[in-house]
N, C-alpha and C. Protein backbone atom coordinates (compact mmCIF):
# COMPACT_ATOMS: atom_id res chain seq x y z
N MET A 1 20.30 87.61 97.52
CA MET A 1 21.10 87.25 96.37
C MET A 1 21.14 85.74 96.18
N LYS A 2 21.33 84.99 97.27
CA LYS A 2 21.38 83.53 97.19
C LYS A 2 20.04 82.98 96.71
N LYS A 3 18.97 83.65 97.14
CA LYS A 3 17.63 83.22 96.74
C LYS A 3 17.44 83.37 95.23
N THR A 4 17.92 84.45 94.65
CA THR A 4 17.81 84.71 93.21
C THR A 4 18.61 83.67 92.42
N ILE A 5 19.80 83.36 92.87
CA ILE A 5 20.64 82.37 92.19
C ILE A 5 19.98 80.99 92.24
N LEU A 6 19.41 80.66 93.39
CA LEU A 6 18.73 79.37 93.55
C LEU A 6 17.53 79.26 92.60
N ILE A 7 16.74 80.33 92.52
CA ILE A 7 15.56 80.33 91.64
C ILE A 7 15.99 80.21 90.18
N LEU A 8 17.03 80.94 89.78
CA LEU A 8 17.52 80.85 88.40
C LEU A 8 18.04 79.45 88.09
N THR A 9 18.76 78.84 89.03
CA THR A 9 19.30 77.50 88.82
C THR A 9 18.18 76.49 88.65
N VAL A 10 17.16 76.57 89.48
CA VAL A 10 16.02 75.65 89.38
C VAL A 10 15.28 75.86 88.05
N ALA A 11 15.08 77.11 87.67
CA ALA A 11 14.37 77.40 86.42
C ALA A 11 15.15 76.88 85.21
N ILE A 12 16.46 77.11 85.17
CA ILE A 12 17.27 76.65 84.05
C ILE A 12 17.30 75.13 84.00
N THR A 13 17.44 74.48 85.16
CA THR A 13 17.44 73.01 85.21
C THR A 13 16.12 72.46 84.69
N GLY A 14 15.02 73.05 85.10
CA GLY A 14 13.71 72.61 84.61
C GLY A 14 13.57 72.78 83.12
N PHE A 15 14.05 73.89 82.59
CA PHE A 15 14.00 74.14 81.15
C PHE A 15 14.81 73.11 80.38
N VAL A 16 16.01 72.80 80.86
CA VAL A 16 16.87 71.83 80.18
C VAL A 16 16.24 70.44 80.19
N ILE A 17 15.70 70.03 81.31
CA ILE A 17 15.06 68.71 81.41
C ILE A 17 13.85 68.63 80.49
N THR A 18 13.05 69.68 80.45
CA THR A 18 11.86 69.69 79.60
C THR A 18 12.22 69.64 78.12
N SER A 19 13.21 70.42 77.71
CA SER A 19 13.56 70.45 76.29
C SER A 19 14.21 69.14 75.85
N CYS A 20 14.96 68.49 76.70
CA CYS A 20 15.56 67.19 76.35
C CYS A 20 14.48 66.12 76.22
N GLY A 21 13.47 66.18 77.05
CA GLY A 21 12.37 65.21 76.98
C GLY A 21 11.61 65.31 75.68
N ASN A 22 11.42 66.50 75.15
CA ASN A 22 10.70 66.68 73.89
C ASN A 22 11.47 66.08 72.72
N LYS A 23 12.79 66.20 72.73
CA LYS A 23 13.58 65.66 71.63
C LYS A 23 13.47 64.15 71.57
N THR A 24 13.54 63.48 72.70
CA THR A 24 13.47 62.02 72.68
C THR A 24 12.07 61.57 72.29
N SER A 25 11.06 62.30 72.67
CA SER A 25 9.69 61.95 72.30
C SER A 25 9.51 62.05 70.79
N GLU A 26 10.03 63.09 70.19
CA GLU A 26 9.94 63.25 68.73
C GLU A 26 10.73 62.15 68.01
N GLU A 27 11.90 61.81 68.53
CA GLU A 27 12.69 60.75 67.92
C GLU A 27 11.94 59.42 67.97
N LYS A 28 11.26 59.15 69.07
CA LYS A 28 10.50 57.91 69.18
C LYS A 28 9.39 57.86 68.15
N LYS A 29 8.70 58.99 67.94
CA LYS A 29 7.62 59.04 66.96
C LYS A 29 8.15 58.76 65.56
N GLU A 30 9.31 59.32 65.22
CA GLU A 30 9.91 59.09 63.91
C GLU A 30 10.30 57.63 63.73
N ASN A 31 10.87 57.02 64.78
CA ASN A 31 11.27 55.62 64.70
C ASN A 31 10.06 54.71 64.53
N VAL A 32 8.97 54.99 65.23
CA VAL A 32 7.76 54.18 65.11
C VAL A 32 7.19 54.30 63.70
N ALA A 33 7.16 55.51 63.15
CA ALA A 33 6.63 55.70 61.80
C ALA A 33 7.47 54.97 60.78
N ALA A 34 8.77 55.02 60.90
CA ALA A 34 9.66 54.34 59.96
C ALA A 34 9.49 52.83 60.06
N THR A 35 9.36 52.31 61.27
CA THR A 35 9.19 50.88 61.47
C THR A 35 7.85 50.40 60.91
N THR A 36 6.81 51.16 61.13
CA THR A 36 5.49 50.77 60.65
C THR A 36 5.43 50.69 59.14
N THR A 37 5.99 51.65 58.45
CA THR A 37 5.91 51.64 57.00
C THR A 37 6.81 50.57 56.39
N SER A 38 7.94 50.27 57.01
CA SER A 38 8.84 49.29 56.43
C SER A 38 8.35 47.86 56.64
N GLU A 39 7.51 47.62 57.65
CA GLU A 39 7.03 46.27 57.92
C GLU A 39 5.75 45.92 57.19
N ALA A 40 5.09 46.86 56.55
CA ALA A 40 3.82 46.62 55.90
C ALA A 40 4.05 45.91 54.56
N LYS A 41 4.16 44.58 54.60
CA LYS A 41 4.35 43.80 53.38
C LYS A 41 3.07 43.04 53.08
N THR A 42 2.76 42.93 51.80
CA THR A 42 1.62 42.12 51.38
C THR A 42 2.10 41.14 50.32
N TYR A 43 1.41 40.04 50.24
CA TYR A 43 1.77 38.97 49.30
C TYR A 43 0.56 38.68 48.42
N THR A 44 0.84 38.32 47.17
CA THR A 44 -0.22 38.05 46.22
C THR A 44 0.17 36.89 45.30
N CYS A 45 -0.80 36.31 44.64
CA CYS A 45 -0.57 35.22 43.70
C CYS A 45 -0.24 35.82 42.33
N PRO A 46 0.79 35.33 41.66
CA PRO A 46 1.11 35.85 40.32
C PRO A 46 -0.02 35.63 39.31
N MET A 47 -0.78 34.55 39.47
CA MET A 47 -1.86 34.24 38.54
C MET A 47 -3.21 34.82 38.97
N HIS A 48 -3.37 35.11 40.25
CA HIS A 48 -4.64 35.62 40.78
C HIS A 48 -4.34 36.85 41.65
N PRO A 49 -4.17 38.03 41.04
CA PRO A 49 -3.79 39.22 41.81
C PRO A 49 -4.83 39.66 42.84
N GLU A 50 -6.04 39.15 42.74
CA GLU A 50 -7.06 39.50 43.73
C GLU A 50 -6.83 38.80 45.07
N VAL A 51 -5.99 37.73 45.06
CA VAL A 51 -5.64 37.03 46.30
C VAL A 51 -4.52 37.81 46.97
N ILE A 52 -4.81 38.37 48.15
CA ILE A 52 -3.84 39.19 48.88
C ILE A 52 -3.75 38.66 50.31
N SER A 53 -2.53 38.56 50.81
CA SER A 53 -2.30 38.08 52.17
C SER A 53 -1.24 38.94 52.85
N ASP A 54 -1.26 38.98 54.18
CA ASP A 54 -0.25 39.74 54.91
C ASP A 54 0.95 38.88 55.29
N LYS A 55 0.92 37.60 54.88
CA LYS A 55 2.06 36.71 55.14
C LYS A 55 2.24 35.76 53.96
N PRO A 56 3.45 35.23 53.77
CA PRO A 56 3.67 34.30 52.66
C PRO A 56 2.89 33.01 52.85
N GLY A 57 2.62 32.35 51.75
CA GLY A 57 1.87 31.09 51.79
C GLY A 57 1.59 30.62 50.38
N THR A 58 0.46 29.93 50.21
CA THR A 58 0.08 29.47 48.88
C THR A 58 -1.29 30.02 48.51
N CYS A 59 -1.51 30.12 47.22
CA CYS A 59 -2.79 30.62 46.70
C CYS A 59 -3.87 29.57 46.94
N PRO A 60 -5.01 29.97 47.49
CA PRO A 60 -6.09 29.00 47.70
C PRO A 60 -6.75 28.53 46.40
N LYS A 61 -6.55 29.26 45.30
CA LYS A 61 -7.17 28.90 44.03
C LYS A 61 -6.33 27.93 43.22
N CYS A 62 -4.98 28.17 43.17
CA CYS A 62 -4.15 27.34 42.29
C CYS A 62 -2.99 26.67 43.01
N GLY A 63 -2.72 27.04 44.26
CA GLY A 63 -1.65 26.40 45.01
C GLY A 63 -0.27 26.98 44.78
N MET A 64 -0.14 28.00 43.93
CA MET A 64 1.17 28.63 43.70
C MET A 64 1.61 29.39 44.94
N ASP A 65 2.93 29.54 45.09
CA ASP A 65 3.47 30.32 46.20
C ASP A 65 3.12 31.79 46.00
N LEU A 66 2.72 32.45 47.09
CA LEU A 66 2.46 33.89 47.04
C LEU A 66 3.80 34.62 47.01
N VAL A 67 3.84 35.71 46.26
CA VAL A 67 5.06 36.51 46.15
C VAL A 67 4.80 37.87 46.78
N GLU A 68 5.89 38.51 47.25
CA GLU A 68 5.74 39.82 47.86
C GLU A 68 5.26 40.83 46.83
N LYS A 69 4.22 41.56 47.19
CA LYS A 69 3.64 42.55 46.28
C LYS A 69 4.49 43.80 46.31
N GLU A 70 4.77 44.36 45.13
CA GLU A 70 5.54 45.58 45.04
C GLU A 70 4.70 46.75 45.52
N ASN A 71 5.35 47.71 46.16
CA ASN A 71 4.65 48.91 46.59
C ASN A 71 4.28 49.72 45.37
N THR A 72 3.02 50.13 45.30
CA THR A 72 2.56 50.96 44.20
C THR A 72 2.01 52.25 44.76
N GLU A 73 2.03 53.29 43.95
CA GLU A 73 1.47 54.56 44.38
C GLU A 73 -0.04 54.51 44.20
N MET A 74 -0.75 54.97 45.22
CA MET A 74 -2.20 55.00 45.16
C MET A 74 -2.66 56.44 44.99
N ASP A 75 -3.73 56.62 44.18
CA ASP A 75 -4.27 57.96 44.05
C ASP A 75 -5.23 58.22 45.21
N MET A 76 -5.91 59.36 45.20
CA MET A 76 -6.76 59.73 46.33
C MET A 76 -7.96 58.80 46.48
N ASN A 77 -8.33 58.07 45.44
CA ASN A 77 -9.46 57.16 45.51
C ASN A 77 -9.04 55.75 45.91
N GLY A 78 -7.76 55.54 46.19
CA GLY A 78 -7.27 54.23 46.58
C GLY A 78 -6.98 53.32 45.41
N LYS A 79 -6.94 53.88 44.20
CA LYS A 79 -6.68 53.07 43.01
C LYS A 79 -5.21 53.18 42.64
N ASP A 80 -4.69 52.13 42.04
CA ASP A 80 -3.30 52.10 41.59
C ASP A 80 -3.11 53.15 40.50
N SER A 81 -2.18 54.07 40.70
CA SER A 81 -1.97 55.12 39.72
C SER A 81 -0.76 54.89 38.84
N THR A 82 -0.12 53.73 38.97
CA THR A 82 1.04 53.44 38.13
C THR A 82 0.57 52.97 36.76
N MET A 83 1.35 53.24 35.74
CA MET A 83 0.97 52.83 34.39
C MET A 83 1.28 51.36 34.19
N LYS A 84 0.38 50.65 33.54
CA LYS A 84 0.57 49.24 33.25
C LYS A 84 0.66 49.04 31.75
N MET A 85 1.61 48.24 31.32
CA MET A 85 1.76 47.94 29.91
C MET A 85 0.84 46.79 29.53
N LYS A 86 0.23 46.86 28.35
CA LYS A 86 -0.65 45.77 27.89
C LYS A 86 -0.01 45.07 26.72
């Protein structure tokens, strides 16, 4: 009888430890994904949109300060799918 109780206790303890470990692992993955997407900033020149940088600075063509580029939705071909007014 004592042997059965000991085996059940060890099995339940192992199950609890394993299931708790999976939750923290999943939480870490979610935190990394959220951090990665929020830090991805790009900067561009207002006069030369082809100039793109991953940090603020000045445009090499005209010397203007680079501004943070707004996030745009991309289609499956990597093209900007937002409507632009002319």
